[in-house]
Protein backbone atom coordinates (compact mmCIF):
# COMPACT_ATOMS: atom_id res chain seq x y z
CA UNK A 1 17.05 -27.34 -1.67
CA UNK A 2 14.76 -30.28 -2.40
CA UNK A 3 11.56 -28.99 -0.78
CA UNK A 4 9.72 -25.82 -1.63
CA UNK A 5 10.33 -22.76 0.52
CA UNK A 6 7.09 -21.87 2.30
CA UNK A 7 6.51 -18.10 2.38
CA UNK A 8 3.93 -16.44 4.61
CA UNK A 9 2.96 -12.94 3.43
CA UNK A 10 1.01 -10.74 5.84
CA UNK A 11 -1.11 -7.87 4.53
CA UNK A 12 -2.97 -5.35 6.68
CA UNK A 13 -5.94 -5.10 4.34
CA UNK A 14 -8.07 -7.03 1.88
CA UNK A 15 -8.53 -3.89 -0.22
CA UNK A 16 -6.53 -3.47 -3.42
CA UNK A 17 -4.22 -0.52 -2.72
CA UNK A 18 -0.93 0.09 -4.52
CA UNK A 19 0.98 -1.98 -1.96
CA UNK A 20 -1.35 -4.94 -2.38
CA UNK A 21 -1.24 -4.65 -6.18
CA UNK A 22 2.54 -4.87 -6.04
CA UNK A 23 2.37 -7.83 -3.66
CA UNK A 24 -0.08 -9.58 -5.98
CA UNK A 25 2.26 -9.11 -8.93
CA UNK A 26 5.18 -10.45 -6.92
CA UNK A 27 3.33 -13.56 -5.76
CA UNK A 28 1.98 -14.30 -9.23
CA UNK A 29 5.42 -14.10 -10.84
CA UNK A 30 7.55 -15.79 -8.19
CA UNK A 31 8.97 -19.21 -9.08
CA UNK A 32 6.33 -21.68 -7.88
CA UNK A 33 8.71 -24.59 -8.42
CA UNK A 34 10.86 -23.20 -5.63
CA UNK A 35 8.50 -21.10 -3.51
CA UNK A 36 5.08 -21.80 -2.03
CA UNK A 37 3.39 -18.48 -1.18
CA UNK A 38 0.61 -18.21 1.41
CA UNK A 39 -1.10 -14.89 2.21
CA UNK A 40 -2.74 -13.82 5.47
CA UNK A 41 -5.25 -10.96 5.39
CA UNK A 42 -7.70 -9.69 8.05
CA UNK A 43 -10.96 -10.40 6.19
CA UNK A 44 -12.46 -11.59 2.91
CA UNK A 45 -14.41 -8.43 2.08
CA UNK A 46 -12.06 -6.68 -0.35
CA UNK A 47 -10.95 -6.93 -3.95
CA UNK A 48 -7.48 -8.08 -2.91
CA UNK A 49 -9.00 -11.22 -1.40
CA UNK A 50 -10.99 -11.87 -4.59
CA UNK A 51 -7.85 -11.40 -6.72
CA UNK A 52 -5.87 -13.81 -4.55
CA UNK A 53 -8.55 -16.47 -4.85
CA UNK A 54 -8.94 -16.00 -8.61
CA UNK A 55 -5.19 -16.50 -8.98
CA UNK A 56 -5.36 -19.70 -6.90
CA UNK A 57 -3.14 -18.30 -4.15
CA UNK A 58 -3.55 -19.94 -0.76
CA UNK A 59 -5.22 -17.32 1.45
CA UNK A 60 -5.86 -17.39 5.19
CA UNK A 61 -8.11 -15.08 7.18
CA UNK A 62 -6.79 -13.93 10.54
CA UNK A 63 -8.39 -10.82 11.97
CA UNK A 64 -5.84 -8.17 12.93
CA UNK A 65 -6.78 -4.98 14.78
CA UNK A 66 -6.13 -1.73 12.98
CA UNK A 67 -3.15 -0.07 14.64
CA UNK A 68 -3.79 3.42 15.99
CA UNK A 69 -2.07 5.56 18.60
CA UNK A 70 -4.00 5.89 21.86
CA UNK A 71 -3.23 7.29 25.30
CA UNK A 72 -6.27 5.68 26.91
CA UNK A 73 -4.82 3.07 29.33
CA UNK A 74 -7.78 0.71 28.99
CA UNK A 75 -7.74 0.78 25.19
CA UNK A 76 -3.95 0.44 25.17
CA UNK A 77 -4.10 -2.59 27.50
CA UNK A 78 -6.78 -4.22 25.36
CA UNK A 79 -4.77 -3.54 22.22
CA UNK A 80 -1.56 -5.05 23.64
CA UNK A 81 -3.40 -8.14 24.90
CA UNK A 82 -5.01 -8.51 21.49
CA UNK A 83 -1.59 -8.34 19.80
CA UNK A 84 -0.32 -11.13 22.07
CA UNK A 85 -3.43 -13.22 21.34
CA UNK A 86 -2.99 -12.81 17.57
CA UNK A 87 0.70 -13.71 17.87
CA UNK A 88 -0.25 -17.05 19.40
CA UNK A 89 -2.69 -17.64 16.55
CA UNK A 90 0.17 -17.02 14.15
CA UNK A 91 2.29 -19.64 15.94
CA UNK A 92 -0.31 -22.22 14.96
CA UNK A 93 -0.19 -21.02 11.35
CA UNK A 94 3.62 -21.11 11.24
CA UNK A 95 3.73 -24.67 12.54
CA UNK A 96 0.80 -26.01 10.54
CA UNK A 97 2.06 -24.74 7.18
CA UNK A 98 5.77 -25.28 7.96
CA UNK A 99 6.60 -21.69 7.13
CA UNK A 100 10.22 -20.88 6.35
CA UNK A 101 10.06 -17.11 5.90
CA UNK A 102 7.55 -14.53 7.13
CA UNK A 103 7.19 -11.42 4.94
CA UNK A 104 5.35 -8.40 6.35
CA UNK A 105 4.02 -6.18 3.58
CA UNK A 106 4.22 -3.23 5.99
CA UNK A 107 5.90 -2.55 9.30
CA UNK A 108 2.58 -2.42 11.18
CA UNK A 109 1.94 -6.07 10.32
CA UNK A 110 5.12 -7.14 12.08
CA UNK A 111 3.69 -6.35 15.53
CA UNK A 112 1.30 -9.26 15.11
CA UNK A 113 4.09 -11.71 14.32
CA UNK A 114 7.19 -10.73 16.38
CA UNK A 115 6.43 -12.99 19.34
CA UNK A 116 5.39 -15.84 17.03
CA UNK A 117 8.59 -15.41 15.00
CA UNK A 118 10.73 -15.76 18.13
CA UNK A 119 8.88 -18.73 19.61
CA UNK A 120 8.67 -20.61 16.28
CA UNK A 121 12.23 -19.55 15.34
CA UNK A 122 11.36 -18.35 11.82
CA UNK A 123 13.02 -15.88 9.49
CA UNK A 124 11.36 -12.47 9.14
CA UNK A 125 11.47 -9.88 6.35
CA UNK A 126 9.87 -6.47 6.88
CA UNK A 127 9.00 -4.13 4.01
CA UNK A 128 9.27 -0.36 4.40
CA UNK A 129 6.69 1.00 1.98
CA UNK A 130 5.89 4.33 3.57
CA UNK A 131 7.75 7.30 5.00
CA UNK A 132 6.73 8.16 8.54
CA UNK A 133 6.04 11.75 9.61
CA UNK A 134 7.47 11.74 13.16
CA UNK A 135 11.06 11.06 14.21
CA UNK A 136 9.98 8.92 17.17
CA UNK A 137 7.90 6.71 14.85
CA UNK A 138 10.88 6.30 12.53
CA UNK A 139 13.10 5.39 15.46
CA UNK A 140 10.66 2.79 16.85
CA UNK A 141 10.36 1.19 13.41
CA UNK A 142 14.14 1.21 12.93
CA UNK A 143 14.73 -0.41 16.34
CA UNK A 144 12.20 -3.18 15.74
CA UNK A 145 13.57 -3.83 12.24
CA UNK A 146 17.13 -3.87 13.60
CA UNK A 147 16.51 -6.39 16.37
CA UNK A 148 13.73 -8.60 14.96
CA UNK A 149 13.94 -8.58 11.15
CA UNK A 150 16.44 -10.80 9.36
CA UNK A 151 16.27 -8.48 6.36
CA UNK A 152 14.55 -5.17 5.59
CA UNK A 153 13.34 -4.32 2.08
CA UNK A 154 12.73 -0.65 1.25
CA UNK A 155 10.85 0.19 -1.93
CA UNK A 156 12.94 3.32 -2.55
CA UNK A 157 16.14 4.93 -1.35
CA UNK A 158 14.10 7.65 0.34
CA UNK A 159 12.05 5.06 2.24
CA UNK A 160 15.25 3.31 3.26
CA UNK A 161 16.58 6.49 4.86
CA UNK A 162 14.12 6.04 7.73
CA UNK A 163 16.13 2.98 8.73
CA UNK A 164 19.63 3.93 7.65
CA UNK A 165 19.54 7.30 9.43
CA UNK A 166 19.62 5.34 12.69
CA UNK A 167 21.73 2.37 11.60
CA UNK A 168 24.00 3.58 8.80
CA UNK A 169 26.28 0.54 8.83
CA UNK A 170 23.50 -2.04 8.87
CA UNK A 171 23.69 -4.69 6.17
CA UNK A 172 20.07 -5.71 6.73
CA UNK A 173 18.70 -3.08 4.35
CA UNK A 174 18.09 -3.85 0.69
CA UNK A 175 16.51 -1.43 -1.79
CA UNK A 176 14.24 -3.29 -4.20
CA UNK A 177 12.01 -1.11 -6.37
CA UNK A 178 8.48 -2.34 -7.00
CA UNK A 179 8.18 -3.45 -10.60
CA UNK A 180 5.30 -3.79 -13.01
CA UNK A 181 4.50 -6.53 -15.50
CA UNK A 182 4.57 -4.16 -18.47
CA UNK A 183 3.50 -6.57 -21.23
CA UNK A 184 0.63 -7.94 -19.17
CA UNK A 185 -0.48 -4.59 -17.79
CA UNK A 186 -1.01 -2.92 -21.16
CA UNK A 187 -3.17 -5.79 -22.46
CA UNK A 188 -6.96 -6.24 -22.33
CA UNK A 189 -7.83 -2.58 -21.98
CA UNK A 190 -11.36 -1.26 -22.45
CA UNK A 191 -10.89 1.38 -25.14
CA UNK A 192 -14.26 3.10 -24.70
CA UNK A 193 -13.52 6.49 -23.16
CA UNK A 194 -15.35 6.16 -19.88
CA UNK A 195 -14.18 9.59 -18.77
CA UNK A 196 -15.98 11.38 -21.58
CA UNK A 197 -19.29 9.95 -20.40
CA UNK A 198 -19.11 12.58 -17.67
CA UNK A 199 -18.49 15.45 -20.06
CA UNK A 200 -20.79 17.73 -21.97
CA UNK A 201 -17.89 19.14 -24.00
CA UNK A 202 -15.76 16.41 -25.54
CA UNK A 203 -13.67 18.04 -28.20
CA UNK A 204 -10.25 19.55 -27.60
CA UNK A 205 -10.33 18.89 -23.87
CA UNK A 206 -7.48 17.14 -22.06
CA UNK A 207 -8.48 14.58 -19.44
CA UNK A 208 -6.41 14.97 -16.28
CA UNK A 209 -6.76 12.24 -13.66
CA UNK A 210 -5.73 11.95 -10.04
CA UNK A 211 -5.83 8.47 -8.49
CA UNK A 212 -5.59 7.65 -4.80
CA UNK A 213 -7.35 7.55 -1.48
CA UNK A 214 -8.80 10.91 -0.55
CA UNK A 215 -6.47 12.29 2.13
CA UNK A 216 -4.33 15.32 2.99
CA UNK A 217 -1.27 13.22 2.15
CA UNK A 218 -2.42 12.61 -1.43
CA UNK A 219 -2.99 16.34 -1.94
CA UNK A 220 -6.25 16.46 -3.90
CA UNK A 221 -6.87 19.90 -2.35
CA UNK A 222 -3.57 21.07 -3.83
CA UNK A 223 -4.73 20.06 -7.30
CA UNK A 224 -8.06 21.88 -6.92
CA UNK A 225 -6.31 25.01 -5.62
CA UNK A 226 -3.87 24.92 -8.54
CA UNK A 227 -6.58 25.01 -11.21
CA UNK A 228 -7.98 28.19 -9.68
CA UNK A 229 -4.82 29.92 -10.92
CA UNK A 230 -5.74 32.65 -13.41
CA UNK A 231 -3.13 31.32 -15.87
CA UNK A 232 -5.26 28.20 -16.43
CA UNK A 233 -8.58 29.93 -17.13
CA UNK A 234 -8.34 29.59 -20.91
CA UNK A 235 -6.91 26.05 -20.93
CA UNK A 236 -9.36 23.30 -21.89
CA UNK A 237 -9.07 20.41 -19.48
CA UNK A 238 -11.13 18.42 -17.02
CA UNK A 239 -10.06 16.95 -13.69
CA UNK A 240 -11.18 13.50 -12.55
CA UNK A 241 -10.56 12.51 -8.93
CA UNK A 242 -10.52 8.72 -8.70
CA UNK A 243 -10.74 7.36 -5.16
CA UNK A 244 -12.60 7.62 -1.90
CA UNK A 245 -11.85 7.82 1.80
CA UNK A 246 -9.96 4.81 3.14
CA UNK A 247 -10.61 5.52 6.81
CA UNK A 248 -13.81 6.98 8.25
CA UNK A 249 -11.86 9.55 10.26
CA UNK A 250 -10.92 11.40 7.05
CA UNK A 251 -14.48 11.85 5.82
CA UNK A 252 -14.11 15.55 6.73
CA UNK A 253 -11.41 15.84 4.06
CA UNK A 254 -13.77 14.49 1.40
CA UNK A 255 -16.38 17.04 2.48
CA UNK A 256 -13.72 19.74 2.29
CA UNK A 257 -13.01 18.82 -1.35
CA UNK A 258 -16.72 18.92 -2.16
CA UNK A 259 -17.03 22.37 -0.60
CA UNK A 260 -14.01 23.58 -2.59
CA UNK A 261 -15.66 22.43 -5.81
CA UNK A 262 -19.00 23.97 -4.88
CA UNK A 263 -17.71 27.32 -3.61
CA UNK A 264 -15.56 27.83 -6.72
CA UNK A 265 -18.24 26.66 -9.20
CA UNK A 266 -16.05 23.87 -10.56
CA UNK A 267 -18.93 21.47 -11.33
CA UNK A 268 -18.05 21.38 -15.02
CA UNK A 269 -14.32 21.20 -14.42
CA UNK A 270 -13.75 18.77 -11.53
CA UNK A 271 -15.49 15.38 -11.31
CA UNK A 272 -15.29 13.14 -8.25
CA UNK A 273 -15.78 9.60 -9.53
CA UNK A 274 -15.22 7.81 -6.22
CA UNK A 275 -13.67 4.37 -5.93
CA UNK A 276 -13.25 2.58 -9.27
CA UNK A 277 -12.15 -0.98 -10.02
CA UNK A 278 -11.19 -0.37 -13.66
CA UNK A 279 -8.17 1.83 -12.93
CA UNK A 280 -6.23 0.50 -15.90
CA UNK A 281 -9.00 1.49 -18.31
CA UNK A 282 -9.26 4.95 -16.77
CA UNK A 283 -5.52 5.54 -17.14
CA UNK A 284 -5.64 4.37 -20.75
CA UNK A 285 -8.44 6.82 -21.55
CA UNK A 286 -6.72 9.77 -19.88
CA UNK A 287 -4.14 12.23 -21.17
CA UNK A 288 -2.32 13.35 -18.04
CA UNK A 289 -1.87 11.92 -14.55
CA UNK A 290 -1.30 14.36 -11.71
CA UNK A 291 0.03 12.82 -8.50
CA UNK A 292 0.56 15.57 -5.95
CA UNK A 293 1.22 14.37 -2.40
CA UNK A 294 2.06 17.23 -0.07
CA UNK A 295 4.48 15.20 2.07
CA UNK A 296 6.75 12.23 1.44
CA UNK A 297 5.35 9.38 -0.67
CA UNK A 298 7.72 6.40 -0.68
CA UNK A 299 7.04 4.85 -4.09
CA UNK A 300 3.65 5.49 -5.74
CA UNK A 301 2.78 2.57 -8.02
CA UNK A 302 0.25 4.67 -9.94
CA UNK A 303 3.16 6.49 -11.60
CA UNK A 304 4.44 3.19 -13.03
CA UNK A 305 0.96 2.34 -14.28
CA UNK A 306 0.49 5.67 -16.06
CA UNK A 307 3.99 5.59 -17.54
CA UNK A 308 3.38 2.07 -18.88
CA UNK A 309 0.76 3.59 -21.20
CA UNK A 310 3.03 6.48 -22.12
CA UNK A 311 0.91 9.04 -20.30
CA UNK A 312 2.29 12.41 -19.27
CA UNK A 313 2.88 12.34 -15.52
CA UNK A 314 3.05 15.43 -13.32
CA UNK A 315 4.13 14.81 -9.73
CA UNK A 316 5.35 16.72 -6.72
CA UNK A 317 9.05 16.25 -5.98
CA UNK A 318 8.65 14.58 -2.58
CA UNK A 319 9.66 11.21 -1.15
CA UNK A 320 10.74 8.57 -3.64
CA UNK A 321 9.02 10.22 -6.60
CA UNK A 322 12.25 11.76 -8.04
CA UNK A 323 13.65 8.21 -8.16
CA UNK A 324 10.96 7.48 -10.77
CA UNK A 325 10.41 10.80 -12.55
CA UNK A 326 13.21 12.79 -14.18
CA UNK A 327 11.87 16.27 -14.76
CA UNK A 328 11.30 17.09 -18.42
CA UNK A 329 12.61 13.69 -19.54
CA UNK A 330 10.05 11.02 -18.66
CA UNK A 331 7.58 13.23 -16.80
CA UNK A 332 7.42 16.50 -14.89
CA UNK A 333 8.16 17.43 -11.28
CA UNK A 334 6.93 20.44 -9.36
CA UNK A 335 7.02 21.75 -5.82
CA UNK A 336 4.14 20.76 -3.50
CA UNK A 337 2.64 24.20 -3.97
CA UNK A 338 -0.45 25.28 -5.91
CA UNK A 339 1.43 27.87 -7.96
CA UNK A 340 4.18 25.47 -8.99
CA UNK A 341 1.66 22.78 -9.90
CA UNK A 342 -0.42 25.27 -11.91
CA UNK A 343 2.64 26.39 -13.86
CA UNK A 344 3.53 22.79 -14.70
CA UNK A 345 -0.02 21.93 -15.78
CA UNK A 346 -0.03 25.05 -17.96
CA UNK A 347 3.23 24.06 -19.67
CA UNK A 348 2.13 20.48 -20.30
CA UNK A 349 -1.28 21.47 -21.66
CA UNK A 350 0.16 24.11 -23.99
CA UNK A 351 2.86 21.79 -25.30
CA UNK A 352 1.00 18.50 -25.06
CA UNK A 353 1.29 17.53 -28.74
CA UNK A 354 5.04 18.19 -28.74
CA UNK A 355 5.81 15.95 -25.75
CA UNK A 356 5.97 12.66 -27.64
CA UNK A 357 9.57 12.12 -26.49
CA UNK A 358 8.46 12.36 -22.84
CA UNK A 359 5.81 9.69 -23.37
CA UNK A 360 8.31 7.45 -25.14
CA UNK A 361 10.85 7.92 -22.35
CA UNK A 362 8.21 7.04 -19.77
CA UNK A 363 7.64 3.65 -21.39
CA UNK A 364 11.39 3.12 -21.76
CA UNK A 365 11.88 3.86 -18.04
CA UNK A 366 9.37 1.15 -17.10
CA UNK A 367 10.97 -1.43 -19.37
CA UNK A 368 14.56 -0.61 -18.41
CA UNK A 369 14.29 0.17 -14.70
CA UNK A 370 10.99 -0.99 -13.23
CA UNK A 371 10.31 -4.29 -14.98
CA UNK A 372 8.71 -6.86 -12.67
CA UNK A 373 11.26 -9.51 -13.63
CA UNK A 374 14.08 -7.43 -12.14
CA UNK A 375 12.16 -7.15 -8.86
CA UNK A 376 11.41 -10.89 -8.86
CA UNK A 377 15.05 -11.84 -9.48
CA UNK A 378 16.36 -9.61 -6.68
CA UNK A 379 13.64 -10.78 -4.27
CA UNK A 380 14.19 -14.49 -4.92
CA UNK A 381 17.93 -14.10 -4.32
CA UNK A 382 17.22 -12.29 -1.05
CA UNK A 383 14.85 -15.07 0.10
CA UNK A 384 17.48 -17.71 -0.58
CA UNK A 385 20.16 -15.73 1.23
CA UNK A 386 17.92 -15.26 4.27
CA UNK A 387 17.57 -19.04 4.65
CA UNK A 388 21.35 -19.45 4.48
CA UNK A 389 21.82 -17.12 7.45
CA UNK A 390 22.81 -18.82 10.68
């Protein structure tokens, strides 16, 4: 193919979440001699937008309404009309930039492009990066992917089940794990221990971090409940919660966590640091990462980031997490229960100095299985194959 293939990526946010971090890595590493990536985001307020611009990636702003379920007929009518209006705006973008393939970084984004895709006759790829909680939601997503997407990329086998459970024989589905640029990621780290600035007692304490938006899904309450276990009373560790509320409607959950800390006098044990931009530095300065979602999590990137530094990872065995962590080999799995998590934390803290092989296996897993170059190679082949489809 003589001309470059023009790719239009659509992201639902300008914030730098795990999904956007993975998208940024993909766009930075993709072959620019063959592909010309363009990204559409809803605003220019977030860190993701700043990262795109600093990496000289063509970025367009097209405001997209946040998708929420409503039974109010007036709001629903307005929402549907707005979707149609945005679709027509996308038609202009598709024609102006001679787009060959549209890539939706999440299923929700596809609603803003389906009509435009049909009218402009463009190829469409939809990512499945989350696991839905209701069967009817899974079915709606599967139907739309089946009839409108040319290919579907799931970031884990567990995420792919949401599609394959309805269309088992479909050849549209491709599992491509998110990768990480290991050599680049571990460079340029700030070695000053920023976590210890919060501590009055620095010696012989293990720093345990939890990174993610504050929400029931991410399970920060589970972590706090687990450390109330009597078995952990004599273990020296501190908990750092890194993250804040992503949506205003979950502010009550943040207040719930604060009340849990206050009512159990955990001021000198649990520290809420809020949103932080220097996540890589925080991981580097930590000892253990606990990632404890209470329900399915498709493919948490933060596990790859912690494992890249050879950190001990403790995670609940839900969603796509067991596809990353092999219990007792490159990390530790537990049930999404406070008692199970407490028992695992206890074991890791007591045996921390003897778990060198686990840390070494974590790094080996990243290099062997989740290297960004493997993801790039599989993705580029898929893009080429999509254009060959009649």
